[in-house]
């Protein structure tokens, strides 16, 4: 029982650290994606405004 619990905690920890690494990579590359994202986002808002007004 104890071994199973330890294994569960270890797998959870491994998953969290993997997720943390993923976010680190995403944040490290954010400055590359950000201009494109902002451009698309502003375009999207402009289309919404054109539709509504």
Protein backbone atom coordinates (compact mmCIF):
# COMPACT_ATOMS: atom_id res chain seq x y z
CA UNK A 1 0.00 0.00 0.00
CA UNK A 2 2.77 2.42 0.98
CA UNK A 3 4.74 1.55 -2.14
CA UNK A 4 1.69 2.20 -4.31
CA UNK A 5 1.10 5.59 -2.66
CA UNK A 6 4.76 6.53 -3.10
CA UNK A 7 4.60 5.49 -6.73
CA UNK A 8 1.46 7.60 -7.21
CA UNK A 9 3.11 10.64 -5.65
CA UNK A 10 6.21 10.11 -7.75
CA UNK A 11 4.20 9.90 -10.99
CA UNK A 12 2.28 13.03 -9.99
CA UNK A 13 5.53 14.82 -9.28
CA UNK A 14 6.98 13.64 -12.60
CA UNK A 15 3.88 14.91 -14.40
CA UNK A 16 4.13 18.29 -12.65
CA UNK A 17 7.80 18.71 -13.47
CA UNK A 18 7.07 17.76 -17.08
CA UNK A 19 4.32 20.38 -17.16
CA UNK A 20 6.67 22.90 -15.58
CA UNK A 21 9.27 22.22 -18.28
CA UNK A 22 6.57 22.62 -20.94
CA UNK A 23 5.58 26.02 -19.56
CA UNK A 24 9.22 27.06 -19.31
CA UNK A 25 9.65 26.28 -23.02
CA UNK A 26 6.42 28.09 -23.90
CA UNK A 27 7.41 31.18 -21.91
CA UNK A 28 10.93 31.11 -23.35
CA UNK A 29 9.48 31.14 -26.87
CA UNK A 30 6.60 33.51 -26.07
CA UNK A 31 8.39 36.53 -27.53
CA UNK A 32 8.39 34.77 -30.92
CA UNK A 33 4.69 33.91 -30.85
CA UNK A 34 3.47 37.09 -29.19
CA UNK A 35 3.51 39.43 -32.22
CA UNK A 36 1.54 36.93 -34.31
CA UNK A 37 -0.89 36.33 -31.48
CA UNK A 38 -1.45 40.05 -30.91
CA UNK A 39 -1.93 40.60 -34.64
CA UNK A 40 -4.56 37.84 -34.90
CA UNK A 41 -6.23 38.99 -31.70
CA UNK A 42 -6.53 42.60 -32.89
CA UNK A 43 -7.79 41.43 -36.27
CA UNK A 44 -10.41 39.30 -34.52
CA UNK A 45 -11.57 42.23 -32.37
CA UNK A 46 -11.74 44.50 -35.40
CA UNK A 47 -13.94 41.96 -37.23
CA UNK A 48 -16.22 41.71 -34.20
CA UNK A 49 -16.53 45.49 -34.02
CA UNK A 50 -17.26 45.73 -37.75
CA UNK A 51 -19.98 43.10 -37.39
CA UNK A 52 -21.55 44.75 -34.34
CA UNK A 53 -21.39 48.39 -35.42
